[in-house]
Structure formats: C-alpha cells, structure tokens
PDB file of N, CA and C in Angstrom:
ATOM      1  N   MET A   1      10.027  71.593 -14.574  1.00  0.00           N
ATOM      2  CA  MET A   1       9.548  70.473 -15.381  1.00  0.00           C
ATOM      3  C   MET A   1       9.316  70.877 -16.881  1.00  0.00           C
ATOM      4  N   THR A   2       9.556  70.066 -17.709  1.00  0.00           N
ATOM      5  CA  THR A   2       9.381  70.459 -19.160  1.00  0.00           C
ATOM      6  C   THR A   2       7.978  70.560 -19.332  1.00  0.00           C
ATOM      7  N   ASP A   3       7.461  71.381 -20.119  1.00  0.00           N
ATOM      8  CA  ASP A   3       6.111  71.624 -20.453  1.00  0.00           C
ATOM      9  C   ASP A   3       5.783  70.687 -21.719  1.00  0.00           C
ATOM     10  N   THR A   4       4.426  70.674 -22.044  1.00  0.00           N
ATOM     11  CA  THR A   4       4.101  69.489 -22.847  1.00  0.00           C
ATOM     12  C   THR A   4       4.325  69.790 -24.292  1.00  0.00           C
ATOM     13  N   ASN A   5       4.621  71.143 -24.539  1.00  0.00           N
ATOM     14  CA  ASN A   5       4.918  71.329 -25.969  1.00  0.00           C
ATOM     15  C   ASN A   5       6.141  70.559 -26.699  1.00  0.00           C
ATOM     16  N   ALA A   6       7.232  70.333 -25.970  1.00  0.00           N
ATOM     17  CA  ALA A   6       8.355  69.591 -26.466  1.00  0.00           C
ATOM     18  C   ALA A   6       7.837  68.244 -26.715  1.00  0.00           C
ATOM     19  N   LEU A   7       7.010  67.670 -25.779  1.00  0.00           N
ATOM     20  CA  LEU A   7       6.582  66.375 -25.921  1.00  0.00           C
ATOM     21  C   LEU A   7       5.637  66.120 -27.113  1.00  0.00           C
ATOM     22  N   LEU A   8       4.779  67.230 -27.132  1.00  0.00           N
ATOM     23  CA  LEU A   8       3.745  67.093 -28.462  1.00  0.00           C
ATOM     24  C   LEU A   8       4.521  67.146 -29.754  1.00  0.00           C
ATOM     25  N   HIS A   9       5.597  67.995 -29.736  1.00  0.00           N
ATOM     26  CA  HIS A   9       6.372  67.971 -30.908  1.00  0.00           C
ATOM     27  C   HIS A   9       6.996  66.659 -31.339  1.00  0.00           C
ATOM     28  N   VAL A  10       7.593  66.056 -30.290  1.00  0.00           N
ATOM     29  CA  VAL A  10       8.271  64.734 -30.436  1.00  0.00           C
ATOM     30  C   VAL A  10       7.155  63.685 -30.956  1.00  0.00           C
ATOM     31  N   LEU A  11       5.973  63.573 -30.344  1.00  0.00           N
ATOM     32  CA  LEU A  11       4.828  62.711 -30.678  1.00  0.00           C
ATOM     33  C   LEU A  11       4.241  62.949 -32.111  1.00  0.00           C
ATOM     34  N   GLU A  12       4.231  64.290 -32.341  1.00  0.00           N
ATOM     35  CA  GLU A  12       3.879  64.465 -33.827  1.00  0.00           C
ATOM     36  C   GLU A  12       4.857  64.179 -34.783  1.00  0.00           C
ATOM     37  N   GLY A  13       6.083  64.178 -34.588  1.00  0.00           N
ATOM     38  CA  GLY A  13       7.241  63.611 -35.376  1.00  0.00           C
ATOM     39  C   GLY A  13       7.094  62.174 -35.383  1.00  0.00           C
ATOM     40  N   LEU A  14       6.863  61.459 -34.595  1.00  0.00           N
ATOM     41  CA  LEU A  14       6.655  60.018 -34.485  1.00  0.00           C
ATOM     42  C   LEU A  14       5.484  59.637 -35.302  1.00  0.00           C
ATOM     43  N   ARG A  15       4.341  60.278 -34.993  1.00  0.00           N
ATOM     44  CA  ARG A  15       3.134  60.063 -35.883  1.00  0.00           C
ATOM     45  C   ARG A  15       3.509  60.252 -37.344  1.00  0.00           C
ATOM     46  N   LEU A  16       3.833  61.258 -37.813  1.00  0.00           N
ATOM     47  CA  LEU A  16       4.193  61.557 -39.296  1.00  0.00           C
ATOM     48  C   LEU A  16       5.027  60.513 -39.740  1.00  0.00           C
ATOM     49  N   ARG A  17       6.098  60.015 -38.968  1.00  0.00           N
ATOM     50  CA  ARG A  17       6.960  59.070 -39.592  1.00  0.00           C
ATOM     51  C   ARG A  17       6.452  57.534 -39.325  1.00  0.00           C
ATOM     52  N   ARG A  18       5.299  57.523 -38.629  1.00  0.00           N
ATOM     53  CA  ARG A  18       4.581  56.258 -38.452  1.00  0.00           C
ATOM     54  C   ARG A  18       5.676  55.328 -37.694  1.00  0.00           C
ATOM     55  N   MET A  19       6.017  56.121 -36.520  1.00  0.00           N
ATOM     56  CA  MET A  19       6.905  55.339 -35.558  1.00  0.00           C
ATOM     57  C   MET A  19       6.429  55.301 -34.264  1.00  0.00           C
ATOM     58  N   THR A  20       6.862  54.466 -33.343  1.00  0.00           N
ATOM     59  CA  THR A  20       6.784  54.518 -31.950  1.00  0.00           C
ATOM     60  C   THR A  20       8.287  54.717 -31.367  1.00  0.00           C
ATOM     61  N   ALA A  21       8.213  55.039 -30.216  1.00  0.00           N
ATOM     62  CA  ALA A  21       9.568  55.262 -29.377  1.00  0.00           C
ATOM     63  C   ALA A  21       9.377  54.753 -27.848  1.00  0.00           C
ATOM     64  N   THR A  22      10.301  54.389 -27.534  1.00  0.00           N
ATOM     65  CA  THR A  22      10.465  53.788 -25.944  1.00  0.00           C
ATOM     66  C   THR A  22      10.412  55.195 -25.116  1.00  0.00           C
ATOM     67  N   TYR A  23       9.829  54.902 -23.779  1.00  0.00           N
ATOM     68  CA  TYR A  23       9.754  55.969 -22.835  1.00  0.00           C
ATOM     69  C   TYR A  23      11.045  56.562 -22.569  1.00  0.00           C
ATOM     70  N   LYS A  24      12.234  55.885 -22.511  1.00  0.00           N
ATOM     71  CA  LYS A  24      13.575  56.363 -22.279  1.00  0.00           C
ATOM     72  C   LYS A  24      13.976  57.207 -23.604  1.00  0.00           C
ATOM     73  N   ALA A  25      13.760  56.833 -24.753  1.00  0.00           N
ATOM     74  CA  ALA A  25      14.146  57.645 -25.971  1.00  0.00           C
ATOM     75  C   ALA A  25      13.274  59.047 -25.947  1.00  0.00           C
ATOM     76  N   VAL A  26      11.939  58.802 -25.727  1.00  0.00           N
ATOM     77  CA  VAL A  26      11.231  59.997 -25.648  1.00  0.00           C
ATOM     78  C   VAL A  26      11.766  61.045 -24.479  1.00  0.00           C
ATOM     79  N   ALA A  27      12.034  60.518 -23.249  1.00  0.00           N
ATOM     80  CA  ALA A  27      12.464  61.254 -22.271  1.00  0.00           C
ATOM     81  C   ALA A  27      13.695  62.053 -22.617  1.00  0.00           C
ATOM     82  N   ASP A  28      14.603  61.179 -23.188  1.00  0.00           N
ATOM     83  CA  ASP A  28      16.005  61.893 -23.742  1.00  0.00           C
ATOM     84  C   ASP A  28      15.639  62.827 -24.578  1.00  0.00           C
ATOM     85  N   ALA A  29      14.681  62.718 -25.551  1.00  0.00           N
ATOM     86  CA  ALA A  29      14.435  63.678 -26.599  1.00  0.00           C
ATOM     87  C   ALA A  29      14.027  65.009 -26.026  1.00  0.00           C
ATOM     88  N   ILE A  30      13.148  64.907 -25.054  1.00  0.00           N
ATOM     89  CA  ILE A  30      12.720  66.266 -24.533  1.00  0.00           C
ATOM     90  C   ILE A  30      13.481  66.688 -23.341  1.00  0.00           C
ATOM     91  N   GLY A  31      14.670  66.180 -23.177  1.00  0.00           N
ATOM     92  CA  GLY A  31      15.601  66.639 -22.152  1.00  0.00           C
ATOM     93  C   GLY A  31      15.369  66.370 -20.633  1.00  0.00           C
ATOM     94  N   LEU A  32      14.531  65.364 -20.355  1.00  0.00           N
ATOM     95  CA  LEU A  32      14.450  64.815 -18.999  1.00  0.00           C
ATOM     96  C   LEU A  32      15.548  64.117 -18.733  1.00  0.00           C
ATOM     97  N   THR A  33      16.101  64.120 -17.386  1.00  0.00           N
ATOM     98  CA  THR A  33      17.259  63.477 -16.939  1.00  0.00           C
ATOM     99  C   THR A  33      16.737  62.616 -15.716  1.00  0.00           C
ATOM    100  N   PRO A  34      17.593  61.635 -15.427  1.00  0.00           N
ATOM    101  CA  PRO A  34      17.392  60.851 -14.194  1.00  0.00           C
ATOM    102  C   PRO A  34      17.737  61.726 -12.975  1.00  0.00           C
ATOM    103  N   PRO A  35      17.563  61.515 -11.673  1.00  0.00           N
ATOM    104  CA  PRO A  35      16.496  60.514 -11.543  1.00  0.00           C
ATOM    105  C   PRO A  35      15.117  61.115 -11.737  1.00  0.00           C
ATOM    106  N   GLY A  36      14.113  60.173 -11.804  1.00  0.00           N
ATOM    107  CA  GLY A  36      12.748  60.410 -12.041  1.00  0.00           C
ATOM    108  C   GLY A  36      12.361  60.995 -13.406  1.00  0.00           C
ATOM    109  N   GLN A  37      13.215  60.328 -14.334  1.00  0.00           N
ATOM    110  CA  GLN A  37      13.085  60.793 -15.770  1.00  0.00           C
ATOM    111  C   GLN A  37      11.768  60.283 -16.296  1.00  0.00           C
ATOM    112  N   ILE A  38      11.611  58.985 -16.191  1.00  0.00           N
ATOM    113  CA  ILE A  38      10.351  58.484 -16.617  1.00  0.00           C
ATOM    114  C   ILE A  38       8.951  58.581 -15.838  1.00  0.00           C
ATOM    115  N   GLN A  39       9.228  58.966 -14.657  1.00  0.00           N
ATOM    116  CA  GLN A  39       8.063  59.434 -13.691  1.00  0.00           C
ATOM    117  C   GLN A  39       7.656  60.779 -14.362  1.00  0.00           C
ATOM    118  N   ALA A  40       8.637  61.600 -14.714  1.00  0.00           N
ATOM    119  CA  ALA A  40       8.254  63.003 -15.076  1.00  0.00           C
ATOM    120  C   ALA A  40       7.613  62.836 -16.435  1.00  0.00           C
ATOM    121  N   LEU A  41       8.080  61.949 -17.445  1.00  0.00           N
ATOM    122  CA  LEU A  41       7.512  61.782 -18.605  1.00  0.00           C
ATOM    123  C   LEU A  41       6.093  61.230 -18.668  1.00  0.00           C
ATOM    124  N   ALA A  42       5.940  60.288 -17.577  1.00  0.00           N
ATOM    125  CA  ALA A  42       4.491  59.840 -17.374  1.00  0.00           C
ATOM    126  C   ALA A  42       3.661  60.893 -17.051  1.00  0.00           C
ATOM    127  N   ALA A  43       4.006  61.926 -16.124  1.00  0.00           N
ATOM    128  CA  ALA A  43       3.101  62.882 -15.893  1.00  0.00           C
ATOM    129  C   ALA A  43       2.686  63.555 -17.096  1.00  0.00           C
ATOM    130  N   LEU A  44       3.774  64.047 -17.895  1.00  0.00           N
ATOM    131  CA  LEU A  44       3.425  64.713 -19.049  1.00  0.00           C
ATOM    132  C   LEU A  44       2.401  63.942 -20.126  1.00  0.00           C
ATOM    133  N   LEU A  45       2.724  62.656 -20.155  1.00  0.00           N
ATOM    134  CA  LEU A  45       1.893  61.814 -21.077  1.00  0.00           C
ATOM    135  C   LEU A  45       0.406  61.942 -20.522  1.00  0.00           C
ATOM    136  N   GLU A  46       0.371  61.708 -19.104  1.00  0.00           N
ATOM    137  CA  GLU A  46      -0.947  61.570 -18.665  1.00  0.00           C
ATOM    138  C   GLU A  46      -1.761  62.982 -18.868  1.00  0.00           C
ATOM    139  N   ALA A  47      -1.221  64.100 -18.982  1.00  0.00           N
ATOM    140  CA  ALA A  47      -1.731  65.352 -19.081  1.00  0.00           C
ATOM    141  C   ALA A  47      -2.268  65.263 -20.551  1.00  0.00           C
ATOM    142  N   ILE A  48      -1.530  64.747 -21.672  1.00  0.00           N
ATOM    143  CA  ILE A  48      -1.830  64.730 -22.949  1.00  0.00           C
ATOM    144  C   ILE A  48      -3.088  63.557 -23.131  1.00  0.00           C
ATOM    145  N   GLN A  49      -3.030  62.642 -22.272  1.00  0.00           N
ATOM    146  CA  GLN A  49      -4.006  61.788 -22.346  1.00  0.00           C
ATOM    147  C   GLN A  49      -5.415  62.387 -22.005  1.00  0.00           C
ATOM    148  N   GLU A  50      -5.233  63.124 -20.868  1.00  0.00           N
ATOM    149  CA  GLU A  50      -6.472  63.705 -20.432  1.00  0.00           C
ATOM    150  C   GLU A  50      -7.052  64.818 -21.519  1.00  0.00           C
ATOM    151  N   ASP A  51      -6.150  65.508 -22.182  1.00  0.00           N
ATOM    152  CA  ASP A  51      -6.620  66.426 -23.289  1.00  0.00           C
ATOM    153  C   ASP A  51      -7.312  65.672 -24.322  1.00  0.00           C
ATOM    154  N   ASP A  52      -6.571  64.551 -24.868  1.00  0.00           N
ATOM    155  CA  ASP A  52      -6.920  63.710 -25.762  1.00  0.00           C
ATOM    156  C   ASP A  52      -8.395  63.089 -25.634  1.00  0.00           C
ATOM    157  N   ALA A  53      -8.566  62.730 -24.458  1.00  0.00           N
ATOM    158  CA  ALA A  53      -9.832  62.066 -24.036  1.00  0.00           C
ATOM    159  C   ALA A  53     -10.967  63.124 -24.055  1.00  0.00           C
ATOM    160  N   ARG A  54     -10.598  64.422 -23.588  1.00  0.00           N
ATOM    161  CA  ARG A  54     -11.622  65.432 -23.406  1.00  0.00           C
ATOM    162  C   ARG A  54     -12.047  65.808 -24.726  1.00  0.00           C
ATOM    163  N   LEU A  55     -11.108  65.915 -25.716  1.00  0.00           N
ATOM    164  CA  LEU A  55     -11.388  66.311 -27.027  1.00  0.00           C
ATOM    165  C   LEU A  55     -11.799  65.147 -27.883  1.00  0.00           C
ATOM    166  N   GLU A  56     -11.885  63.817 -27.521  1.00  0.00           N
ATOM    167  CA  GLU A  56     -12.207  62.732 -28.258  1.00  0.00           C
ATOM    168  C   GLU A  56     -11.306  62.426 -29.411  1.00  0.00           C
ATOM    169  N   ARG A  57     -10.157  62.651 -29.155  1.00  0.00           N
ATOM    170  CA  ARG A  57      -8.987  62.483 -30.088  1.00  0.00           C
ATOM    171  C   ARG A  57      -8.431  61.173 -29.995  1.00  0.00           C
ATOM    172  N   PRO A  58      -7.756  60.589 -30.938  1.00  0.00           N
ATOM    173  CA  PRO A  58      -6.960  59.455 -30.631  1.00  0.00           C
ATOM    174  C   PRO A  58      -5.780  59.857 -29.589  1.00  0.00           C
ATOM    175  N   GLN A  59      -5.344  58.764 -28.880  1.00  0.00           N
ATOM    176  CA  GLN A  59      -4.358  58.943 -27.735  1.00  0.00           C
ATOM    177  C   GLN A  59      -3.039  58.995 -28.285  1.00  0.00           C
ATOM    178  N   ARG A  60      -2.531  60.179 -28.379  1.00  0.00           N
ATOM    179  CA  ARG A  60      -0.998  60.458 -28.982  1.00  0.00           C
ATOM    180  C   ARG A  60      -0.090  59.678 -28.047  1.00  0.00           C
ATOM    181  N   ALA A  61      -0.296  59.610 -26.798  1.00  0.00           N
ATOM    182  CA  ALA A  61       0.708  58.963 -25.807  1.00  0.00           C
ATOM    183  C   ALA A  61       0.821  57.530 -25.990  1.00  0.00           C
ATOM    184  N   ALA A  62      -0.146  56.987 -27.120  1.00  0.00           N
ATOM    185  CA  ALA A  62      -0.072  55.571 -27.237  1.00  0.00           C
ATOM    186  C   ALA A  62       1.382  55.324 -28.341  1.00  0.00           C
ATOM    187  N   MET A  63       1.966  56.407 -28.739  1.00  0.00           N
ATOM    188  CA  MET A  63       3.211  56.212 -29.472  1.00  0.00           C
ATOM    189  C   MET A  63       4.433  55.885 -28.579  1.00  0.00           C
ATOM    190  N   VAL A  64       4.113  55.955 -27.453  1.00  0.00           N
ATOM    191  CA  VAL A  64       5.455  55.796 -26.380  1.00  0.00           C
ATOM    192  C   VAL A  64       5.248  54.385 -25.820  1.00  0.00           C
ATOM    193  N   ILE A  65       6.067  53.543 -25.934  1.00  0.00           N
ATOM    194  CA  ILE A  65       5.972  52.180 -25.712  1.00  0.00           C
ATOM    195  C   ILE A  65       7.165  51.741 -24.596  1.00  0.00           C
ATOM    196  N   GLN A  66       6.878  50.593 -23.858  1.00  0.00           N
ATOM    197  CA  GLN A  66       7.849  50.040 -23.073  1.00  0.00           C
ATOM    198  C   GLN A  66       8.854  49.419 -23.892  1.00  0.00           C
ATOM    199  N   ASN A  67      10.061  49.177 -23.408  1.00  0.00           N
ATOM    200  CA  ASN A  67      11.259  48.514 -23.936  1.00  0.00           C
ATOM    201  C   ASN A  67      11.062  46.980 -23.421  1.00  0.00           C
ATOM    202  N   GLY A  68      10.916  45.955 -24.493  1.00  0.00           N
ATOM    203  CA  GLY A  68      10.873  44.684 -24.125  1.00  0.00           C
ATOM    204  C   GLY A  68      10.178  43.917 -25.065  1.00  0.00           C
ATOM    205  N   LYS A  69       9.575  42.923 -24.603  1.00  0.00           N
ATOM    206  CA  LYS A  69       8.899  41.858 -25.569  1.00  0.00           C
ATOM    207  C   LYS A  69       7.561  42.381 -25.895  1.00  0.00           C
ATOM    208  N   ASP A  70       6.814  43.160 -25.199  1.00  0.00           N
ATOM    209  CA  ASP A  70       5.578  43.647 -25.586  1.00  0.00           C
ATOM    210  C   ASP A  70       5.628  45.041 -25.967  1.00  0.00           C
ATOM    211  N   PRO A  71       5.674  45.374 -27.172  1.00  0.00           N
ATOM    212  CA  PRO A  71       5.886  46.881 -27.596  1.00  0.00           C
ATOM    213  C   PRO A  71       4.563  47.590 -27.525  1.00  0.00           C
ATOM    214  N   ILE A  72       4.093  47.838 -26.260  1.00  0.00           N
ATOM    215  CA  ILE A  72       2.951  48.587 -26.039  1.00  0.00           C
ATOM    216  C   ILE A  72       3.314  49.456 -24.754  1.00  0.00           C
ATOM    217  N   PRO A  73       2.338  50.461 -24.383  1.00  0.00           N
ATOM    218  CA  PRO A  73       2.637  51.373 -23.368  1.00  0.00           C
ATOM    219  C   PRO A  73       2.614  50.600 -22.092  1.00  0.00           C
ATOM    220  N   ARG A  74       3.150  51.016 -21.014  1.00  0.00           N
ATOM    221  CA  ARG A  74       3.140  50.384 -19.651  1.00  0.00           C
ATOM    222  C   ARG A  74       1.840  50.296 -19.213  1.00  0.00           C
ATOM    223  N   PRO A  75       1.552  49.553 -18.282  1.00  0.00           N
ATOM    224  CA  PRO A  75       0.134  49.281 -17.644  1.00  0.00           C
ATOM    225  C   PRO A  75      -0.682  50.706 -17.169  1.00  0.00           C
ATOM    226  N   GLY A  76       0.415  51.548 -16.790  1.00  0.00           N
ATOM    227  CA  GLY A  76      -0.226  52.908 -16.140  1.00  0.00           C
ATOM    228  C   GLY A  76      -0.965  53.701 -17.141  1.00  0.00           C
ATOM    229  N   PHE A  77      -0.654  53.462 -18.498  1.00  0.00           N
ATOM    230  CA  PHE A  77      -1.233  54.028 -19.755  1.00  0.00           C
ATOM    231  C   PHE A  77      -2.491  53.726 -19.769  1.00  0.00           C
ATOM    232  N   PHE A  78      -2.867  52.296 -19.747  1.00  0.00           N
ATOM    233  CA  PHE A  78      -4.153  51.772 -19.801  1.00  0.00           C
ATOM    234  C   PHE A  78      -4.959  52.088 -18.598  1.00  0.00           C
ATOM    235  N   GLN A  79      -4.429  51.994 -17.486  1.00  0.00           N
ATOM    236  CA  GLN A  79      -4.988  52.382 -16.285  1.00  0.00           C
ATOM    237  C   GLN A  79      -5.590  53.837 -16.207  1.00  0.00           C
ATOM    238  N   GLN A  80      -4.727  54.890 -16.748  1.00  0.00           N
ATOM    239  CA  GLN A  80      -5.159  56.175 -17.134  1.00  0.00           C
ATOM    240  C   GLN A  80      -6.441  56.237 -18.142  1.00  0.00           C
ATOM    241  N   LEU A  81      -6.239  55.495 -19.153  1.00  0.00           N
ATOM    242  CA  LEU A  81      -7.326  55.475 -20.002  1.00  0.00           C
ATOM    243  C   LEU A  81      -8.676  55.000 -19.449  1.00  0.00           C
ATOM    244  N   THR A  82      -8.547  53.955 -18.574  1.00  0.00           N
ATOM    245  CA  THR A  82      -9.783  53.461 -17.811  1.00  0.00           C
ATOM    246  C   THR A  82     -10.372  54.533 -17.105  1.00  0.00           C
ATOM    247  N   ALA A  83      -9.497  55.228 -16.267  1.00  0.00           N
ATOM    248  CA  ALA A  83      -9.866  56.207 -15.326  1.00  0.00           C
ATOM    249  C   ALA A  83     -10.540  57.318 -16.147  1.00  0.00           C
ATOM    250  N   LEU A  84     -10.169  57.589 -17.296  1.00  0.00           N
ATOM    251  CA  LEU A  84     -10.780  58.626 -18.259  1.00  0.00           C
ATOM    252  C   LEU A  84     -12.066  58.006 -18.855  1.00  0.00           C
ATOM    253  N   GLY A  85     -12.388  56.820 -18.916  1.00  0.00           N
ATOM    254  CA  GLY A  85     -13.527  56.227 -19.515  1.00  0.00           C
ATOM    255  C   GLY A  85     -13.270  55.973 -20.917  1.00  0.00           C
ATOM    256  N   VAL A  86     -12.093  55.943 -21.391  1.00  0.00           N
ATOM    257  CA  VAL A  86     -11.682  55.792 -22.828  1.00  0.00           C
ATOM    258  C   VAL A  86     -11.527  54.202 -23.146  1.00  0.00           C
ATOM    259  N   TYR A  87     -11.113  53.534 -22.206  1.00  0.00           N
ATOM    260  CA  TYR A  87     -10.763  52.081 -22.422  1.00  0.00           C
ATOM    261  C   TYR A  87     -11.312  51.257 -21.096  1.00  0.00           C
ATOM    262  N   GLN A  88     -11.837  50.058 -21.507  1.00  0.00           N
ATOM    263  CA  GLN A  88     -12.315  49.263 -20.506  1.00  0.00           C
ATOM    264  C   GLN A  88     -11.663  47.788 -20.637  1.00  0.00           C
ATOM    265  N   GLY A  89     -10.539  47.632 -20.158  1.00  0.00           N
ATOM    266  CA  GLY A  89     -10.038  46.246 -20.456  1.00  0.00           C
ATOM    267  C   GLY A  89      -8.905  46.066 -19.377  1.00  0.00           C
ATOM    268  N   ASN A  90      -8.035  44.970 -19.881  1.00  0.00           N
ATOM    269  CA  ASN A  90      -6.885  44.662 -19.122  1.00  0.00           C
ATOM    270  C   ASN A  90      -5.824  45.690 -19.384  1.00  0.00           C
ATOM    271  N   ASP A  91      -4.873  45.948 -18.497  1.00  0.00           N
ATOM    272  CA  ASP A  91      -3.742  46.842 -18.630  1.00  0.00           C
ATOM    273  C   ASP A  91      -2.573  46.132 -19.431  1.00  0.00           C
ATOM    274  N   ARG A  92      -2.603  44.878 -19.605  1.00  0.00           N
ATOM    275  CA  ARG A  92      -1.667  44.292 -20.359  1.00  0.00           C
ATOM    276  C   ARG A  92      -2.221  42.918 -20.964  1.00  0.00           C
ATOM    277  N   GLY A  93      -1.382  42.219 -21.887  1.00  0.00           N
ATOM    278  CA  GLY A  93      -1.875  41.102 -22.531  1.00  0.00           C
ATOM    279  C   GLY A  93      -2.505  41.470 -23.772  1.00  0.00           C
ATOM    280  N   ALA A  94      -3.116  40.384 -24.400  1.00  0.00           N
ATOM    281  CA  ALA A  94      -3.639  40.557 -25.927  1.00  0.00           C
ATOM    282  C   ALA A  94      -4.655  41.588 -26.101  1.00  0.00           C
ATOM    283  N   GLU A  95      -5.503  41.727 -24.964  1.00  0.00           N
ATOM    284  CA  GLU A  95      -6.532  42.926 -25.189  1.00  0.00           C
ATOM    285  C   GLU A  95      -5.944  44.208 -25.344  1.00  0.00           C
ATOM    286  N   ALA A  96      -4.948  44.448 -24.243  1.00  0.00           N
ATOM    287  CA  ALA A  96      -4.333  45.784 -24.362  1.00  0.00           C
ATOM    288  C   ALA A  96      -3.627  45.826 -25.786  1.00  0.00           C
ATOM    289  N   ALA A  97      -3.074  44.965 -26.237  1.00  0.00           N
ATOM    290  CA  ALA A  97      -2.181  44.896 -27.291  1.00  0.00           C
ATOM    291  C   ALA A  97      -2.946  45.322 -28.614  1.00  0.00           C
ATOM    292  N   MET A  98      -4.053  44.574 -28.627  1.00  0.00           N
ATOM    293  CA  MET A  98      -5.112  44.873 -29.862  1.00  0.00           C
ATOM    294  C   MET A  98      -5.669  46.408 -29.798  1.00  0.00           C
ATOM    295  N   TRP A  99      -6.047  46.758 -28.607  1.00  0.00           N
ATOM    296  CA  TRP A  99      -6.437  48.034 -28.416  1.00  0.00           C
ATOM    297  C   TRP A  99      -5.408  49.146 -28.889  1.00  0.00           C
ATOM    298  N   HIS A 100      -4.199  48.954 -28.390  1.00  0.00           N
ATOM    299  CA  HIS A 100      -3.088  49.581 -28.823  1.00  0.00           C
ATOM    300  C   HIS A 100      -2.847  49.779 -30.233  1.00  0.00           C
ATOM    301  N   GLN A 101      -2.860  48.544 -30.770  1.00  0.00           N
ATOM    302  CA  GLN A 101      -2.597  48.545 -32.267  1.00  0.00           C
ATOM    303  C   GLN A 101      -3.707  49.278 -33.037  1.00  0.00           C
ATOM    304  N   ASN A 102      -5.013  49.178 -32.556  1.00  0.00           N
ATOM    305  CA  ASN A 102      -6.070  49.911 -33.330  1.00  0.00           C
ATOM    306  C   ASN A 102      -5.838  51.388 -33.161  1.00  0.00           C
ATOM    307  N   GLU A 103      -5.394  51.893 -31.871  1.00  0.00           N
ATOM    308  CA  GLU A 103      -5.136  53.274 -31.569  1.00  0.00           C
ATOM    309  C   GLU A 103      -4.048  53.919 -32.602  1.00  0.00           C
ATOM    310  N   ILE A 104      -2.910  53.141 -32.538  1.00  0.00           N
ATOM    311  CA  ILE A 104      -1.901  53.499 -33.464  1.00  0.00           C
ATOM    312  C   ILE A 104      -2.159  53.579 -34.889  1.00  0.00           C
ATOM    313  N   GLU A 105      -3.080  52.761 -35.456  1.00  0.00           N
ATOM    314  CA  GLU A 105      -3.600  52.819 -36.748  1.00  0.00           C
ATOM    315  C   GLU A 105      -4.495  54.027 -36.898  1.00  0.00           C
ATOM    316  N   ARG A 106      -5.336  54.514 -35.872  1.00  0.00           N
ATOM    317  CA  ARG A 106      -6.111  55.739 -35.820  1.00  0.00           C
ATOM    318  C   ARG A 106      -5.139  56.833 -36.098  1.00  0.00           C
ATOM    319  N   LEU A 107      -4.071  56.853 -35.285  1.00  0.00           N
ATOM    320  CA  LEU A 107      -3.138  58.133 -35.209  1.00  0.00           C
ATOM    321  C   LEU A 107      -2.515  58.248 -36.542  1.00  0.00           C
ATOM    322  N   TYR A 108      -1.917  57.069 -37.217  1.00  0.00           N
ATOM    323  CA  TYR A 108      -1.134  57.092 -38.415  1.00  0.00           C
ATOM    324  C   TYR A 108      -2.308  57.507 -39.516  1.00  0.00           C
ATOM    325  N   GLY A 109      -3.483  57.361 -39.326  1.00  0.00           N
ATOM    326  CA  GLY A 109      -4.366  57.880 -40.454  1.00  0.00           C
ATOM    327  C   GLY A 109      -5.004  59.139 -40.353  1.00  0.00           C
ATOM    328  N   LEU A 110      -4.428  60.001 -39.419  1.00  0.00           N
ATOM    329  CA  LEU A 110      -4.765  61.306 -39.293  1.00  0.00           C
ATOM    330  C   LEU A 110      -3.947  62.097 -40.464  1.00  0.00           C
ATOM    331  N   GLY A 111      -4.476  63.216 -40.765  1.00  0.00           N
ATOM    332  CA  GLY A 111      -3.749  63.959 -41.840  1.00  0.00           C
ATOM    333  C   GLY A 111      -2.661  64.675 -41.130  1.00  0.00           C
ATOM    334  N   PRO A 112      -1.905  65.443 -42.052  1.00  0.00           N
ATOM    335  CA  PRO A 112      -0.574  66.173 -41.534  1.00  0.00           C
ATOM    336  C   PRO A 112      -0.822  67.093 -40.485  1.00  0.00           C
ATOM    337  N   GLU A 113      -1.979  67.601 -40.161  1.00  0.00           N
ATOM    338  CA  GLU A 113      -2.222  68.672 -39.064  1.00  0.00           C
ATOM    339  C   GLU A 113      -2.730  67.931 -37.913  1.00  0.00           C
ATOM    340  N   GLY A 114      -2.821  66.547 -37.902  1.00  0.00           N
ATOM    341  CA  GLY A 114      -3.332  65.760 -36.823  1.00  0.00           C
ATOM    342  C   GLY A 114      -4.664  66.035 -36.362  1.00  0.00           C
TER     343      GLY A 114
END
C-alpha cells in the first residue's frame, strides 16, 4: 500500500494552488489502482485526519471531494471527524458544506510551509 508521503505531497500541491480534487483524481495521482482504489485512499486520508486532529491542525483531507453536485468530502470524512471529536454535525447537507468551506479557507490561509 502507498504510504502517506505521496498523498501529503499531492495535498500540499492542492493547498498551494488553492484547489480541491476528486477522490478518483487523487487516487490516480498517487498511483492507487482498482479494485479497492477509493477504499485504499480513504484509509490513507483517515490516517492524515487522525494526525491533523491530534496536532490540532486544519484537516488537509478536506481538499479531497466527491464527484457530483455537492463538492464536499464523502460522509465517511465527516464521520471520522466526529469520531475524532473535531466535528459534531451532519455528515451531509448544508451543515457539512459550511464546515467544509470554513476548513478549506483555513487551509488556504496557511503559509507556504503549511
């Protein structure tokens, strides 16, 4: 399985360019292949979420979003945040979208060293 270093590199590039990317695009970028591509990415993202929560940093995994009408992470992202005590709310809908937007703004506001 790919370690988190490649994923952290991709996430930092997204942050510096003030962009988000879909799960599929990020999985492809770090060399994950089907079957189980998105599940493997989710496991790596959860590890990063745990580190960010422990260090009280903005959630870098927020830059990975689902493909579709709601450009926010999948419900599992928010469920993990709830388990980590970082977020207490719905895992979809307006509340999740607002939290996500605020977190993205926090990430984009960090300096070049993150």
